[in-house]
Amino acid sequence: MSDYVELHARSAFSFLRGASSPEDLGRTAFELELPALALLDRDGVYSAPRLYGQTRATGVRALVGAEITMEDGSVVPLLAANRTG
């Protein structure tokens, strides 16, 4: 198993920033033997249910977050620490 964890992947739910489906990202993380994968789509957690569904059976830990666009246009990546946030 690899020690590497991708902490800033984007799916096709991040229009014009990502192209892969959450399922494809989860499958690839499993094939690469990654212990976890963080999916940070732009301004929402739209792909989280699909990533969780894909990774549940494989043992890859799905980390959820989002890239949040601030009022000044800057973008801040945020990872949720738990279900509450």
C-alpha atoms as a PDB file:
ATOM      1  CA  MET A   1       0.000   0.000   0.000  1.00  0.00           C
ATOM      2  CA  SER A   2       1.214   3.476  -0.867  1.00  0.00           C
ATOM      3  CA  ASP A   3       1.766   6.235   1.705  1.00  0.00           C
ATOM      4  CA  TYR A   4       0.642   8.882  -0.791  1.00  0.00           C
ATOM      5  CA  VAL A   5      -2.800  10.475  -0.405  1.00  0.00           C
ATOM      6  CA  GLU A   6      -4.223  12.833  -3.037  1.00  0.00           C
ATOM      7  CA  LEU A   7      -5.660  15.730  -1.025  1.00  0.00           C
ATOM      8  CA  HIS A   8      -7.016  17.904  -3.839  1.00  0.00           C
ATOM      9  CA  ALA A   9      -8.695  15.875  -6.580  1.00  0.00           C
ATOM     10  CA  ARG A  10     -11.548  17.363  -8.613  1.00  0.00           C
ATOM     11  CA  SER A  11     -14.311  15.505 -10.397  1.00  0.00           C
ATOM     12  CA  ALA A  12     -16.449  16.392 -13.399  1.00  0.00           C
ATOM     13  CA  PHE A  13     -18.741  18.159 -10.903  1.00  0.00           C
ATOM     14  CA  SER A  14     -16.119  20.947 -10.928  1.00  0.00           C
ATOM     15  CA  PHE A  15     -17.060  22.169 -14.378  1.00  0.00           C
ATOM     16  CA  LEU A  16     -14.031  22.988 -16.577  1.00  0.00           C
ATOM     17  CA  ARG A  17     -11.674  22.008 -13.731  1.00  0.00           C
ATOM     18  CA  GLY A  18     -12.095  18.228 -13.528  1.00  0.00           C
ATOM     19  CA  ALA A  19     -13.151  15.580 -16.024  1.00  0.00           C
ATOM     20  CA  SER A  20     -13.297  12.249 -14.186  1.00  0.00           C
ATOM     21  CA  SER A  21     -16.357  10.807 -12.517  1.00  0.00           C
ATOM     22  CA  PRO A  22     -16.143  10.252  -8.746  1.00  0.00           C
ATOM     23  CA  GLU A  23     -16.448   6.518  -9.434  1.00  0.00           C
ATOM     24  CA  ASP A  24     -13.436   6.600 -11.781  1.00  0.00           C
ATOM     25  CA  LEU A  25     -11.390   8.503  -9.213  1.00  0.00           C
ATOM     26  CA  GLY A  26     -12.273   5.988  -6.508  1.00  0.00           C
ATOM     27  CA  ARG A  27     -11.460   3.045  -8.781  1.00  0.00           C
ATOM     28  CA  THR A  28      -8.113   4.555  -9.746  1.00  0.00           C
ATOM     29  CA  ALA A  29      -7.242   5.248  -6.100  1.00  0.00           C
ATOM     30  CA  PHE A  30      -7.905   1.565  -5.362  1.00  0.00           C
ATOM     31  CA  GLU A  31      -5.824   0.405  -8.337  1.00  0.00           C
ATOM     32  CA  LEU A  32      -2.933   2.635  -7.198  1.00  0.00           C
ATOM     33  CA  GLU A  33      -3.324   1.242  -3.662  1.00  0.00           C
ATOM     34  CA  LEU A  34      -3.892   4.674  -2.144  1.00  0.00           C
ATOM     35  CA  PRO A  35      -5.135   4.554   1.454  1.00  0.00           C
ATOM     36  CA  ALA A  36      -7.392   7.595   0.936  1.00  0.00           C
ATOM     37  CA  LEU A  37      -8.544  10.154  -1.619  1.00  0.00           C
ATOM     38  CA  ALA A  38      -9.766  13.695  -0.950  1.00  0.00           C
ATOM     39  CA  LEU A  39     -12.279  15.065  -3.443  1.00  0.00           C
ATOM     40  CA  LEU A  40     -12.644  18.861  -3.394  1.00  0.00           C
ATOM     41  CA  ASP A  41     -15.128  20.050  -5.991  1.00  0.00           C
ATOM     42  CA  ARG A  42     -15.755  23.741  -6.570  1.00  0.00           C
ATOM     43  CA  ASP A  43     -18.243  25.307  -4.135  1.00  0.00           C
ATOM     44  CA  GLY A  44     -19.921  22.086  -3.019  1.00  0.00           C
ATOM     45  CA  VAL A  45     -19.679  18.445  -2.031  1.00  0.00           C
ATOM     46  CA  TYR A  46     -21.733  17.263  -4.998  1.00  0.00           C
ATOM     47  CA  SER A  47     -19.740  14.117  -5.743  1.00  0.00           C
ATOM     48  CA  ALA A  48     -19.288  12.900  -2.147  1.00  0.00           C
ATOM     49  CA  PRO A  49     -22.124  10.309  -2.186  1.00  0.00           C
ATOM     50  CA  ARG A  50     -20.869   8.771  -5.418  1.00  0.00           C
ATOM     51  CA  LEU A  51     -17.263   8.637  -4.162  1.00  0.00           C
ATOM     52  CA  TYR A  52     -18.376   7.037  -0.883  1.00  0.00           C
ATOM     53  CA  GLY A  53     -20.414   4.466  -2.791  1.00  0.00           C
ATOM     54  CA  GLN A  54     -17.429   3.537  -4.931  1.00  0.00           C
ATOM     55  CA  THR A  55     -14.836   3.380  -2.157  1.00  0.00           C
ATOM     56  CA  ARG A  56     -16.929   1.680   0.543  1.00  0.00           C
ATOM     57  CA  ALA A  57     -16.164  -1.840  -0.710  1.00  0.00           C
ATOM     58  CA  THR A  58     -12.529  -1.207  -1.630  1.00  0.00           C
ATOM     59  CA  GLY A  59     -11.132   0.083   1.671  1.00  0.00           C
ATOM     60  CA  VAL A  60     -10.046   3.424   0.204  1.00  0.00           C
ATOM     61  CA  ARG A  61     -10.981   6.162   2.682  1.00  0.00           C
ATOM     62  CA  ALA A  62     -13.039   8.901   1.039  1.00  0.00           C
ATOM     63  CA  LEU A  63     -12.168  12.359   2.342  1.00  0.00           C
ATOM     64  CA  VAL A  64     -14.699  15.089   1.637  1.00  0.00           C
ATOM     65  CA  GLY A  65     -14.139  18.764   1.143  1.00  0.00           C
ATOM     66  CA  ALA A  66     -14.697  21.615  -1.262  1.00  0.00           C
ATOM     67  CA  GLU A  67     -12.933  24.500  -2.931  1.00  0.00           C
ATOM     68  CA  ILE A  68     -14.808  27.518  -1.614  1.00  0.00           C
ATOM     69  CA  THR A  69     -14.821  30.704  -3.690  1.00  0.00           C
ATOM     70  CA  MET A  70     -14.513  33.794  -1.507  1.00  0.00           C
ATOM     71  CA  GLU A  71     -16.111  37.180  -2.247  1.00  0.00           C
ATOM     72  CA  ASP A  72     -12.812  38.520  -3.616  1.00  0.00           C
ATOM     73  CA  GLY A  73     -12.588  35.617  -6.090  1.00  0.00           C
ATOM     74  CA  SER A  74      -9.872  33.720  -4.249  1.00  0.00           C
ATOM     75  CA  VAL A  75     -10.370  30.001  -3.685  1.00  0.00           C
ATOM     76  CA  VAL A  76      -9.807  28.202  -0.374  1.00  0.00           C
ATOM     77  CA  PRO A  77      -9.601  24.387  -0.220  1.00  0.00           C
ATOM     78  CA  LEU A  78     -11.377  22.967   2.855  1.00  0.00           C
ATOM     79  CA  LEU A  79     -11.454  19.376   4.118  1.00  0.00           C
ATOM     80  CA  ALA A  80     -14.163  18.210   6.503  1.00  0.00           C
ATOM     81  CA  ALA A  81     -12.756  16.738   9.718  1.00  0.00           C
ATOM     82  CA  ASN A  82     -15.905  14.698  10.429  1.00  0.00           C
ATOM     83  CA  ARG A  83     -19.614  14.491   9.545  1.00  0.00           C
ATOM     84  CA  THR A  84     -20.322  17.759  11.357  1.00  0.00           C
ATOM     85  CA  GLY A  85     -17.642  19.583   9.462  1.00  0.00           C
END
